[in-house]
């Protein structure tokens, strides 16, 4: 099946926007400037879209979020049961300023935060219904958002995709993998062990009951 050429235009999108941080982010030691608030995102990795029902997205949260105070919030160990628990497992870790600086440098080296990054030659991914990986970085007084369609589904460079675009995708894919293995490359002693995340509140979505004929259940008042 041939897809309209315009569809490829949205396959990979890098948008850099400049925004002032909500609080001063000067490192004071010559490091990379970043927000310092406990509710301010410094780096976030999330997956959006894809061929999934809408309620799937309502219950998902980012795969990695680094806040200005050094907290890292990420998915915890998930139980493989159906139906799953009402509340997903969420973990948090704390990283020192040295660790934050190391993560920020890795993000910049991967191409995030570059307002002059040109990825307009999207080429043809030859993949349908994949999710879009979104990187959000707040550093050096600006917030950058880079979205990459089907980031992990292209091990090889397809025809029609430029070398520059493919190399950029590879750099971002490597960064995403590194964010799941922080102990392997962060300075020793810069990251605390994983612990349970305690949320300040919950958002509740309520919808009509949809029975599954394969799993008969008696109604409960």
Protein backbone atom coordinates (compact mmCIF):
# COMPACT_ATOMS: atom_id res chain seq x y z
CA UNK A 1 0.00 0.00 0.00
CA UNK A 2 1.28 3.44 -0.91
CA UNK A 3 0.84 6.24 1.57
CA UNK A 4 0.41 9.87 0.59
CA UNK A 5 3.67 11.75 0.56
CA UNK A 6 2.31 14.21 3.10
CA UNK A 7 2.13 11.41 5.68
CA UNK A 8 5.90 11.15 5.63
CA UNK A 9 6.12 14.81 6.48
CA UNK A 10 4.91 14.00 9.97
CA UNK A 11 7.09 10.94 10.40
CA UNK A 12 9.85 12.88 12.11
CA UNK A 13 9.43 16.36 13.51
CA UNK A 14 11.90 18.45 15.47
CA UNK A 15 10.59 21.66 16.91
CA UNK A 16 12.67 23.97 19.06
CA UNK A 17 10.89 26.64 20.99
CA UNK A 18 12.39 29.19 23.29
CA UNK A 19 10.78 29.73 26.65
CA UNK A 20 11.87 31.30 29.90
CA UNK A 21 12.18 28.94 32.83
CA UNK A 22 9.73 29.45 35.67
CA UNK A 23 12.54 29.72 38.17
CA UNK A 24 16.22 30.65 37.98
CA UNK A 25 18.31 27.75 36.79
CA UNK A 26 21.86 29.00 37.02
CA UNK A 27 24.17 26.24 38.12
CA UNK A 28 26.60 28.62 39.77
CA UNK A 29 29.52 26.35 38.91
CA UNK A 30 29.80 26.87 35.19
CA UNK A 31 27.63 23.85 34.43
CA UNK A 32 24.69 23.59 32.06
CA UNK A 33 21.90 25.93 33.12
CA UNK A 34 18.59 24.18 33.89
CA UNK A 35 15.35 24.70 35.87
CA UNK A 36 15.60 23.94 39.60
CA UNK A 37 11.97 23.58 40.68
CA UNK A 38 10.62 20.31 42.03
CA UNK A 39 7.77 20.50 39.50
CA UNK A 40 9.86 21.70 36.54
CA UNK A 41 10.80 19.20 33.87
CA UNK A 42 14.45 19.16 32.83
CA UNK A 43 14.34 16.09 30.56
CA UNK A 44 11.40 13.90 29.63
CA UNK A 45 11.05 10.87 27.37
CA UNK A 46 7.56 9.73 26.42
CA UNK A 47 5.85 7.67 23.75
CA UNK A 48 2.71 8.96 22.10
CA UNK A 49 0.30 7.87 19.40
CA UNK A 50 0.39 4.48 17.77
CA UNK A 51 -2.35 1.98 16.95
CA UNK A 52 -3.78 1.66 20.47
CA UNK A 53 -7.16 2.51 22.04
CA UNK A 54 -7.58 5.98 23.48
CA UNK A 55 -7.93 4.71 27.05
CA UNK A 56 -4.43 3.23 26.78
CA UNK A 57 -2.97 6.72 26.59
CA UNK A 58 -5.07 7.93 29.49
CA UNK A 59 -3.28 5.50 31.81
CA UNK A 60 0.26 5.91 30.47
CA UNK A 61 2.96 8.14 31.86
CA UNK A 62 6.41 9.12 30.54
CA UNK A 63 9.15 6.51 30.45
CA UNK A 64 11.60 8.96 32.02
CA UNK A 65 11.22 12.35 33.69
CA UNK A 66 14.00 14.31 35.36
CA UNK A 67 12.84 17.23 37.50
CA UNK A 68 14.81 20.27 38.55
CA UNK A 69 15.33 19.07 42.12
CA UNK A 70 17.04 15.89 40.93
CA UNK A 71 14.09 13.50 41.13
CA UNK A 72 13.75 10.96 38.34
CA UNK A 73 10.30 9.40 37.93
CA UNK A 74 9.97 6.29 35.78
CA UNK A 75 7.87 3.12 35.46
CA UNK A 76 8.47 0.51 38.13
CA UNK A 77 8.24 -3.26 37.85
CA UNK A 78 4.92 -4.12 36.21
CA UNK A 79 2.85 -7.18 37.11
CA UNK A 80 1.98 -9.32 34.08
CA UNK A 81 -1.60 -10.10 35.02
CA UNK A 82 -4.89 -9.44 33.29
CA UNK A 83 -6.70 -7.42 34.25
CA UNK A 84 -3.85 -5.41 35.69
CA UNK A 85 -3.89 -3.47 38.96
CA UNK A 86 -5.81 -0.22 39.13
CA UNK A 87 -2.64 1.71 39.92
CA UNK A 88 0.57 1.12 37.93
CA UNK A 89 3.89 0.74 39.69
CA UNK A 90 5.87 3.99 39.59
CA UNK A 91 9.41 4.42 40.89
CA UNK A 92 11.63 7.37 41.62
CA UNK A 93 15.33 7.96 42.04
CA UNK A 94 17.33 10.96 43.14
CA UNK A 95 20.36 12.20 41.25
CA UNK A 96 22.94 14.73 42.35
CA UNK A 97 23.76 17.92 40.46
CA UNK A 98 26.82 16.15 39.05
CA UNK A 99 24.53 13.45 37.72
CA UNK A 100 22.11 16.01 36.29
CA UNK A 101 24.97 17.69 34.46
CA UNK A 102 26.09 14.35 33.02
CA UNK A 103 22.56 13.57 31.79
CA UNK A 104 22.18 17.05 30.30
CA UNK A 105 25.48 16.75 28.45
CA UNK A 106 24.42 13.38 27.04
CA UNK A 107 21.13 14.92 25.87
CA UNK A 108 22.92 17.81 24.19
CA UNK A 109 25.43 15.46 22.57
CA UNK A 110 22.50 13.45 21.16
CA UNK A 111 21.19 16.55 19.40
CA UNK A 112 18.57 17.82 21.84
CA UNK A 113 18.51 21.54 22.51
CA UNK A 114 19.89 22.41 19.08
CA UNK A 115 17.66 25.05 17.57
CA UNK A 116 19.48 24.78 14.25
CA UNK A 117 19.01 21.00 13.97
CA UNK A 118 17.59 20.32 10.49
CA UNK A 119 15.61 17.11 10.16
CA UNK A 120 13.23 18.28 7.47
CA UNK A 121 14.20 15.52 5.04
CA UNK A 122 12.00 12.88 6.60
CA UNK A 123 12.40 10.21 3.98
CA UNK A 124 10.18 7.14 4.11
CA UNK A 125 10.00 5.00 7.25
CA UNK A 126 7.83 2.35 5.51
CA UNK A 127 6.14 1.75 8.87
CA UNK A 128 2.50 2.36 9.78
CA UNK A 129 0.77 2.75 13.16
CA UNK A 130 3.96 3.04 15.20
CA UNK A 131 4.26 5.33 18.20
CA UNK A 132 6.11 8.64 18.31
CA UNK A 133 8.95 9.09 20.77
CA UNK A 134 9.03 12.59 22.24
CA UNK A 135 12.05 14.16 23.94
CA UNK A 136 11.58 17.37 25.95
CA UNK A 137 14.65 19.20 27.21
CA UNK A 138 14.80 22.41 29.26
CA UNK A 139 18.34 23.75 29.42
CA UNK A 140 20.31 26.91 28.74
CA UNK A 141 17.20 29.06 28.95
CA UNK A 142 15.21 27.27 26.26
CA UNK A 143 12.85 24.34 25.98
CA UNK A 144 13.27 21.98 23.02
CA UNK A 145 10.88 19.28 21.92
CA UNK A 146 11.95 16.62 19.43
CA UNK A 147 9.45 14.05 18.15
CA UNK A 148 10.57 10.97 16.23
CA UNK A 149 8.13 8.57 14.60
CA UNK A 150 8.95 4.84 14.81
CA UNK A 151 12.26 5.54 16.53
CA UNK A 152 12.98 1.95 17.55
CA UNK A 153 11.55 0.20 14.48
CA UNK A 154 14.30 1.11 12.01
CA UNK A 155 17.51 -0.86 12.68
CA UNK A 156 18.68 -0.19 9.12
CA UNK A 157 18.60 2.92 6.99
CA UNK A 158 15.70 2.76 4.51
CA UNK A 159 15.99 4.10 1.00
CA UNK A 160 14.89 7.68 0.74
CA UNK A 161 16.16 8.64 4.19
CA UNK A 162 19.18 10.93 4.31
CA UNK A 163 22.34 9.98 6.19
CA UNK A 164 21.88 13.02 8.45
CA UNK A 165 18.39 12.00 9.47
CA UNK A 166 19.33 8.37 10.07
CA UNK A 167 22.34 9.35 12.18
CA UNK A 168 20.15 11.73 14.21
CA UNK A 169 17.65 8.93 14.82
CA UNK A 170 20.44 6.60 15.93
CA UNK A 171 21.79 9.19 18.39
CA UNK A 172 18.34 9.68 19.93
CA UNK A 173 17.75 5.92 20.09
CA UNK A 174 21.05 5.49 21.92
CA UNK A 175 20.11 8.25 24.37
CA UNK A 176 16.75 6.60 25.11
CA UNK A 177 18.50 3.31 25.87
CA UNK A 178 21.08 5.02 28.10
CA UNK A 179 18.32 6.61 30.16
CA UNK A 180 17.23 3.11 31.18
CA UNK A 181 20.70 2.16 32.44
CA UNK A 182 21.91 5.21 34.36
CA UNK A 183 24.22 3.29 36.74
CA UNK A 184 26.37 2.22 33.82
CA UNK A 185 27.52 5.73 32.88
CA UNK A 186 26.67 8.27 35.58
CA UNK A 187 29.43 9.28 38.04
CA UNK A 188 29.76 6.86 40.93
CA UNK A 189 27.60 7.80 43.87
CA UNK A 190 25.58 10.35 41.89
CA UNK A 191 22.31 8.39 41.80
CA UNK A 192 20.32 6.92 44.69
CA UNK A 193 18.66 3.48 44.68
CA UNK A 194 15.18 3.07 43.25
CA UNK A 195 12.24 3.58 45.60
CA UNK A 196 8.46 3.74 45.36
CA UNK A 197 7.08 7.01 44.06
CA UNK A 198 4.43 8.56 46.29
CA UNK A 199 2.11 10.77 44.20
CA UNK A 200 0.54 13.93 45.59
CA UNK A 201 -2.77 13.00 43.96
CA UNK A 202 -4.52 10.88 41.37
CA UNK A 203 -6.50 11.59 38.22
CA UNK A 204 -9.50 9.27 37.84
CA UNK A 205 -11.10 8.43 34.48
CA UNK A 206 -14.56 6.86 34.67
CA UNK A 207 -16.27 5.16 31.75
CA UNK A 208 -19.01 2.61 31.08
CA UNK A 209 -18.33 -1.01 31.90
CA UNK A 210 -17.32 -3.05 28.86
CA UNK A 211 -17.76 -6.77 29.54
CA UNK A 212 -15.45 -9.34 28.06
CA UNK A 213 -17.35 -12.42 26.87
CA UNK A 214 -14.21 -14.50 27.35
CA UNK A 215 -14.07 -13.57 31.04
CA UNK A 216 -17.57 -13.87 32.54
CA UNK A 217 -17.88 -11.93 35.79
CA UNK A 218 -20.77 -11.47 38.20
CA UNK A 219 -21.73 -7.83 38.74
CA UNK A 220 -21.01 -6.33 42.15
CA UNK A 221 -23.31 -3.69 43.62
